[in-house]
Amino acid sequence: MHYQGELVLEKYRQIVEKVLSDYAAVPYAHGDFKTERVFDRNHDHYLLVNVGWNNKRRVHGCIIHIDIIDGKLWIQRDGTEQGIALDLEEAGIPKEHIVLGFREPEIRQYTGYAIA
């Protein structure tokens, strides 16, 4: 990737990490679990995972999963109420660089975001 592309990629990494860190900082009202941030900059995988217990039930699950593929943010999992794509947009990621990977390829063209 050329120099300009590297700058954009680094900016996107920083935005994703900041947005996910903000989500991780919000405490849950119920249960004894925490939200872990999993950032793999070498392979551009970014996750938020809940781990712990809630009323004797094990809690372990991915809330958000974002990959950066070919300069675009692929939202593979979005367990937020309003949608992580809106937060990424507000932080400076253009809609045409966000792919709702959890949506069927045939549906993506109607989302207002990138199709791939």
N, C-alpha and C. Protein backbone atom coordinates (compact mmCIF):
# COMPACT_ATOMS: atom_id res chain seq x y z
N MET A 1 0.85 -1.18 0.00
CA MET A 1 0.00 0.00 0.00
C MET A 1 0.89 1.24 0.00
N HIS A 2 0.52 2.24 -0.73
CA HIS A 2 1.33 3.45 -0.80
C HIS A 2 1.19 4.28 0.48
N TYR A 3 2.05 5.27 0.61
CA TYR A 3 2.15 6.07 1.83
C TYR A 3 0.81 6.67 2.25
N GLN A 4 0.09 7.29 1.31
CA GLN A 4 -1.21 7.90 1.64
C GLN A 4 -2.17 6.85 2.18
N GLY A 5 -2.15 5.68 1.54
CA GLY A 5 -3.01 4.59 2.00
C GLY A 5 -2.67 4.13 3.41
N GLU A 6 -1.39 4.13 3.72
CA GLU A 6 -0.95 3.75 5.08
C GLU A 6 -1.46 4.75 6.11
N LEU A 7 -1.44 6.04 5.76
CA LEU A 7 -1.94 7.07 6.68
C LEU A 7 -3.44 6.89 6.94
N VAL A 8 -4.18 6.61 5.88
CA VAL A 8 -5.62 6.39 6.02
C VAL A 8 -5.88 5.15 6.86
N LEU A 9 -5.15 4.07 6.59
CA LEU A 9 -5.31 2.83 7.34
C LEU A 9 -5.02 3.05 8.83
N GLU A 10 -3.97 3.78 9.14
CA GLU A 10 -3.64 4.06 10.54
C GLU A 10 -4.74 4.91 11.19
N LYS A 11 -5.27 5.86 10.46
CA LYS A 11 -6.38 6.68 10.98
C LYS A 11 -7.59 5.80 11.28
N TYR A 12 -7.92 4.90 10.36
CA TYR A 12 -9.06 4.01 10.55
C TYR A 12 -8.86 3.10 11.77
N ARG A 13 -7.65 2.58 11.94
CA ARG A 13 -7.35 1.75 13.10
C ARG A 13 -7.58 2.52 14.39
N GLN A 14 -7.08 3.76 14.43
CA GLN A 14 -7.24 4.58 15.62
C GLN A 14 -8.70 4.87 15.92
N ILE A 15 -9.47 5.16 14.88
CA ILE A 15 -10.90 5.43 15.07
C ILE A 15 -11.62 4.19 15.60
N VAL A 16 -11.37 3.05 14.99
CA VAL A 16 -12.03 1.80 15.43
C VAL A 16 -11.68 1.52 16.89
N GLU A 17 -10.42 1.63 17.24
CA GLU A 17 -10.00 1.36 18.62
C GLU A 17 -10.64 2.34 19.60
N LYS A 18 -10.75 3.60 19.22
CA LYS A 18 -11.36 4.60 20.10
C LYS A 18 -12.85 4.32 20.29
N VAL A 19 -13.55 4.07 19.19
CA VAL A 19 -14.99 3.81 19.27
C VAL A 19 -15.26 2.56 20.10
N LEU A 20 -14.50 1.49 19.87
CA LEU A 20 -14.71 0.26 20.64
C LEU A 20 -14.33 0.45 22.10
N SER A 21 -13.29 1.22 22.38
CA SER A 21 -12.89 1.49 23.76
C SER A 21 -13.98 2.27 24.49
N ASP A 22 -14.62 3.20 23.79
CA ASP A 22 -15.73 3.95 24.39
C ASP A 22 -16.87 3.01 24.76
N TYR A 23 -17.19 2.07 23.88
CA TYR A 23 -18.24 1.08 24.19
C TYR A 23 -17.83 0.22 25.38
N ALA A 24 -16.58 -0.20 25.41
CA ALA A 24 -16.10 -1.08 26.49
C ALA A 24 -16.15 -0.39 27.85
N ALA A 25 -16.06 0.93 27.86
CA ALA A 25 -16.04 1.68 29.11
C ALA A 25 -17.42 1.82 29.75
N VAL A 26 -18.47 1.52 29.01
CA VAL A 26 -19.83 1.64 29.55
C VAL A 26 -20.14 0.41 30.41
N PRO A 27 -20.40 0.62 31.71
CA PRO A 27 -20.68 -0.53 32.58
C PRO A 27 -22.09 -1.08 32.35
N TYR A 28 -22.23 -2.37 32.57
CA TYR A 28 -23.55 -3.00 32.49
C TYR A 28 -24.22 -2.91 33.85
N ALA A 29 -25.54 -2.76 33.85
CA ALA A 29 -26.30 -2.61 35.09
C ALA A 29 -26.50 -3.96 35.79
N HIS A 30 -26.49 -5.04 35.04
CA HIS A 30 -26.77 -6.36 35.62
C HIS A 30 -25.63 -7.32 35.29
N GLY A 31 -25.36 -8.22 36.21
CA GLY A 31 -24.36 -9.26 35.97
C GLY A 31 -22.96 -8.86 36.39
N ASP A 32 -22.14 -9.88 36.56
CA ASP A 32 -20.75 -9.70 36.95
C ASP A 32 -19.87 -10.11 35.78
N PHE A 33 -19.79 -9.25 34.81
CA PHE A 33 -18.94 -9.53 33.67
C PHE A 33 -18.31 -8.25 33.16
N LYS A 34 -17.32 -8.43 32.35
CA LYS A 34 -16.62 -7.28 31.79
C LYS A 34 -16.59 -7.39 30.27
N THR A 35 -16.35 -6.26 29.66
CA THR A 35 -16.22 -6.21 28.22
C THR A 35 -14.74 -6.11 27.89
N GLU A 36 -14.24 -7.08 27.16
CA GLU A 36 -12.83 -7.10 26.77
C GLU A 36 -12.67 -6.58 25.35
N ARG A 37 -11.63 -5.80 25.16
CA ARG A 37 -11.26 -5.31 23.84
C ARG A 37 -10.19 -6.24 23.27
N VAL A 38 -10.39 -6.68 22.06
CA VAL A 38 -9.43 -7.55 21.39
C VAL A 38 -9.04 -6.85 20.09
N PHE A 39 -7.81 -6.32 20.07
CA PHE A 39 -7.32 -5.57 18.91
C PHE A 39 -6.12 -6.30 18.31
N ASP A 40 -6.24 -6.73 17.08
CA ASP A 40 -5.14 -7.38 16.36
C ASP A 40 -4.78 -6.49 15.17
N ARG A 41 -3.87 -5.56 15.39
CA ARG A 41 -3.47 -4.62 14.35
C ARG A 41 -2.71 -5.30 13.22
N ASN A 42 -2.03 -6.39 13.50
CA ASN A 42 -1.27 -7.08 12.44
C ASN A 42 -2.18 -7.66 11.36
N HIS A 43 -3.37 -8.10 11.78
CA HIS A 43 -4.32 -8.70 10.84
C HIS A 43 -5.59 -7.87 10.69
N ASP A 44 -5.66 -6.74 11.40
CA ASP A 44 -6.79 -5.81 11.35
C ASP A 44 -8.12 -6.46 11.73
N HIS A 45 -8.13 -7.12 12.89
CA HIS A 45 -9.34 -7.67 13.49
C HIS A 45 -9.57 -6.94 14.81
N TYR A 46 -10.80 -6.50 15.04
CA TYR A 46 -11.13 -5.72 16.24
C TYR A 46 -12.46 -6.23 16.79
N LEU A 47 -12.42 -6.65 18.08
CA LEU A 47 -13.61 -7.23 18.69
C LEU A 47 -13.87 -6.66 20.08
N LEU A 48 -15.14 -6.70 20.48
CA LEU A 48 -15.54 -6.51 21.87
C LEU A 48 -16.23 -7.79 22.29
N VAL A 49 -15.81 -8.33 23.43
CA VAL A 49 -16.34 -9.60 23.91
C VAL A 49 -16.76 -9.45 25.37
N ASN A 50 -17.96 -9.91 25.70
CA ASN A 50 -18.40 -9.94 27.10
C ASN A 50 -17.97 -11.26 27.72
N VAL A 51 -17.40 -11.18 28.94
CA VAL A 51 -16.93 -12.37 29.64
C VAL A 51 -17.31 -12.24 31.12
N GLY A 52 -17.90 -13.29 31.69
CA GLY A 52 -18.21 -13.28 33.12
C GLY A 52 -19.45 -14.11 33.43
N TRP A 53 -20.21 -13.63 34.43
CA TRP A 53 -21.39 -14.37 34.91
C TRP A 53 -22.56 -13.41 35.10
N ASN A 54 -23.75 -13.94 34.86
CA ASN A 54 -24.98 -13.21 35.10
C ASN A 54 -26.01 -14.18 35.67
N ASN A 55 -26.26 -14.05 36.99
CA ASN A 55 -27.21 -14.95 37.67
C ASN A 55 -26.89 -16.43 37.42
N LYS A 56 -25.68 -16.83 37.72
CA LYS A 56 -25.20 -18.21 37.59
C LYS A 56 -25.17 -18.72 36.15
N ARG A 57 -25.29 -17.82 35.21
CA ARG A 57 -25.18 -18.20 33.80
C ARG A 57 -23.91 -17.60 33.25
N ARG A 58 -23.18 -18.40 32.52
CA ARG A 58 -21.93 -17.95 31.92
C ARG A 58 -22.23 -16.96 30.79
N VAL A 59 -21.50 -15.87 30.80
CA VAL A 59 -21.60 -14.87 29.73
C VAL A 59 -20.29 -14.90 28.96
N HIS A 60 -20.38 -15.17 27.69
CA HIS A 60 -19.21 -15.12 26.82
C HIS A 60 -19.71 -14.97 25.40
N GLY A 61 -19.52 -13.78 24.86
CA GLY A 61 -20.01 -13.58 23.51
C GLY A 61 -19.46 -12.32 22.88
N CYS A 62 -19.40 -12.36 21.59
CA CYS A 62 -18.90 -11.23 20.81
C CYS A 62 -20.03 -10.21 20.62
N ILE A 63 -19.75 -8.96 20.98
CA ILE A 63 -20.71 -7.88 20.79
C ILE A 63 -20.48 -7.21 19.44
N ILE A 64 -19.22 -6.89 19.18
CA ILE A 64 -18.85 -6.20 17.94
C ILE A 64 -17.61 -6.87 17.35
N HIS A 65 -17.63 -7.05 16.04
CA HIS A 65 -16.47 -7.59 15.31
C HIS A 65 -16.31 -6.76 14.04
N ILE A 66 -15.16 -6.12 13.92
CA ILE A 66 -14.85 -5.31 12.74
C ILE A 66 -13.51 -5.78 12.18
N ASP A 67 -13.46 -5.97 10.86
CA ASP A 67 -12.22 -6.26 10.15
C ASP A 67 -11.95 -5.11 9.19
N ILE A 68 -10.69 -4.79 8.99
CA ILE A 68 -10.33 -3.85 7.93
C ILE A 68 -9.79 -4.69 6.78
N ILE A 69 -10.50 -4.64 5.67
CA ILE A 69 -10.15 -5.44 4.49
C ILE A 69 -10.09 -4.51 3.28
N ASP A 70 -8.94 -4.48 2.64
CA ASP A 70 -8.74 -3.65 1.44
C ASP A 70 -9.17 -2.20 1.67
N GLY A 71 -8.83 -1.66 2.84
CA GLY A 71 -9.10 -0.26 3.13
C GLY A 71 -10.51 0.06 3.55
N LYS A 72 -11.35 -0.96 3.73
CA LYS A 72 -12.73 -0.75 4.16
C LYS A 72 -12.98 -1.44 5.49
N LEU A 73 -13.87 -0.85 6.28
CA LEU A 73 -14.25 -1.45 7.56
C LEU A 73 -15.42 -2.38 7.33
N TRP A 74 -15.19 -3.65 7.58
CA TRP A 74 -16.23 -4.68 7.45
C TRP A 74 -16.79 -4.95 8.84
N ILE A 75 -18.03 -4.58 9.06
CA ILE A 75 -18.68 -4.87 10.34
C ILE A 75 -19.25 -6.28 10.22
N GLN A 76 -18.58 -7.23 10.88
CA GLN A 76 -18.96 -8.64 10.79
C GLN A 76 -20.05 -9.00 11.80
N ARG A 77 -20.05 -8.27 12.94
CA ARG A 77 -21.05 -8.50 13.99
C ARG A 77 -21.33 -7.17 14.64
N ASP A 78 -22.60 -6.86 14.84
CA ASP A 78 -23.00 -5.62 15.49
C ASP A 78 -24.12 -5.91 16.47
N GLY A 79 -23.75 -6.00 17.74
CA GLY A 79 -24.74 -6.25 18.79
C GLY A 79 -25.12 -5.00 19.56
N THR A 80 -24.94 -3.83 18.95
CA THR A 80 -25.29 -2.58 19.60
C THR A 80 -26.73 -2.21 19.28
N GLU A 81 -27.28 -1.29 20.07
CA GLU A 81 -28.67 -0.88 19.86
C GLU A 81 -28.83 0.02 18.64
N GLN A 82 -27.99 1.04 18.51
CA GLN A 82 -28.17 1.99 17.42
C GLN A 82 -27.40 1.63 16.16
N GLY A 83 -26.40 0.78 16.30
CA GLY A 83 -25.58 0.40 15.15
C GLY A 83 -24.22 1.08 15.19
N ILE A 84 -23.18 0.28 15.20
CA ILE A 84 -21.81 0.79 15.30
C ILE A 84 -21.43 1.61 14.06
N ALA A 85 -22.05 1.35 12.92
CA ALA A 85 -21.74 2.10 11.70
C ALA A 85 -21.96 3.59 11.89
N LEU A 86 -23.01 3.97 12.61
CA LEU A 86 -23.28 5.39 12.86
C LEU A 86 -22.17 6.03 13.67
N ASP A 87 -21.67 5.31 14.66
CA ASP A 87 -20.57 5.84 15.48
C ASP A 87 -19.30 5.99 14.65
N LEU A 88 -19.05 5.04 13.78
CA LEU A 88 -17.87 5.11 12.92
C LEU A 88 -17.97 6.28 11.95
N GLU A 89 -19.17 6.50 11.42
CA GLU A 89 -19.39 7.65 10.54
C GLU A 89 -19.13 8.97 11.28
N GLU A 90 -19.72 9.09 12.46
CA GLU A 90 -19.56 10.31 13.25
C GLU A 90 -18.09 10.56 13.60
N ALA A 91 -17.31 9.49 13.68
CA ALA A 91 -15.89 9.61 14.02
C ALA A 91 -15.02 9.92 12.79
N GLY A 92 -15.64 9.92 11.60
CA GLY A 92 -14.88 10.32 10.42
C GLY A 92 -14.69 9.28 9.34
N ILE A 93 -15.29 8.11 9.46
CA ILE A 93 -15.17 7.09 8.42
C ILE A 93 -16.28 7.34 7.38
N PRO A 94 -15.94 7.51 6.12
CA PRO A 94 -16.97 7.71 5.10
C PRO A 94 -17.85 6.46 4.92
N LYS A 95 -19.13 6.69 4.64
CA LYS A 95 -20.07 5.57 4.45
C LYS A 95 -19.59 4.59 3.39
N GLU A 96 -18.93 5.12 2.34
CA GLU A 96 -18.49 4.25 1.25
C GLU A 96 -17.30 3.39 1.65
N HIS A 97 -16.79 3.56 2.87
CA HIS A 97 -15.70 2.71 3.38
C HIS A 97 -16.17 1.81 4.52
N ILE A 98 -17.48 1.72 4.69
CA ILE A 98 -18.06 0.85 5.72
C ILE A 98 -18.93 -0.19 5.02
N VAL A 99 -18.66 -1.46 5.29
CA VAL A 99 -19.44 -2.56 4.72
C VAL A 99 -20.17 -3.25 5.87
N LEU A 100 -21.47 -3.40 5.73
CA LEU A 100 -22.25 -4.14 6.72
C LEU A 100 -22.16 -5.63 6.36
N GLY A 101 -21.05 -6.23 6.77
CA GLY A 101 -20.76 -7.62 6.42
C GLY A 101 -21.76 -8.62 6.98
N PHE A 102 -22.51 -8.22 8.01
CA PHE A 102 -23.49 -9.12 8.60
C PHE A 102 -24.79 -9.15 7.79
N ARG A 103 -24.90 -8.27 6.81
CA ARG A 103 -26.06 -8.25 5.91
C ARG A 103 -25.77 -9.10 4.67
N GLU A 104 -26.82 -9.72 4.14
CA GLU A 104 -26.65 -10.52 2.93
C GLU A 104 -26.13 -9.64 1.80
N PRO A 105 -25.25 -10.17 0.95
CA PRO A 105 -24.71 -9.37 -0.15
C PRO A 105 -25.81 -8.73 -1.02
N GLU A 106 -26.92 -9.40 -1.22
CA GLU A 106 -28.00 -8.87 -2.05
C GLU A 106 -28.68 -7.67 -1.41
N ILE A 107 -28.63 -7.57 -0.09
CA ILE A 107 -29.30 -6.50 0.66
C ILE A 107 -28.41 -5.26 0.79
N ARG A 108 -27.10 -5.44 0.77
CA ARG A 108 -26.16 -4.33 1.06
C ARG A 108 -26.35 -3.12 0.16
N GLN A 109 -26.76 -3.32 -1.08
CA GLN A 109 -26.93 -2.19 -1.98
C GLN A 109 -28.01 -1.22 -1.51
N TYR A 110 -28.88 -1.66 -0.63
CA TYR A 110 -29.99 -0.82 -0.15
C TYR A 110 -29.68 -0.18 1.22
N THR A 111 -28.51 -0.44 1.78
CA THR A 111 -28.20 0.04 3.13
C THR A 111 -27.63 1.45 3.17
N GLY A 112 -27.14 1.96 2.06
CA GLY A 112 -26.50 3.27 2.04
C GLY A 112 -25.01 3.18 2.35
N TYR A 113 -24.54 1.97 2.59
CA TYR A 113 -23.12 1.74 2.86
C TYR A 113 -22.50 0.98 1.69
N ALA A 114 -21.20 0.75 1.76
CA ALA A 114 -20.50 0.03 0.70
C ALA A 114 -21.06 -1.39 0.58
N ILE A 115 -21.00 -1.93 -0.63
CA ILE A 115 -21.49 -3.29 -0.82
C ILE A 115 -20.39 -4.32 -0.65
N ALA A 116 -19.14 -3.90 -0.82
CA ALA A 116 -17.99 -4.78 -0.60
C ALA A 116 -16.71 -3.98 -0.67
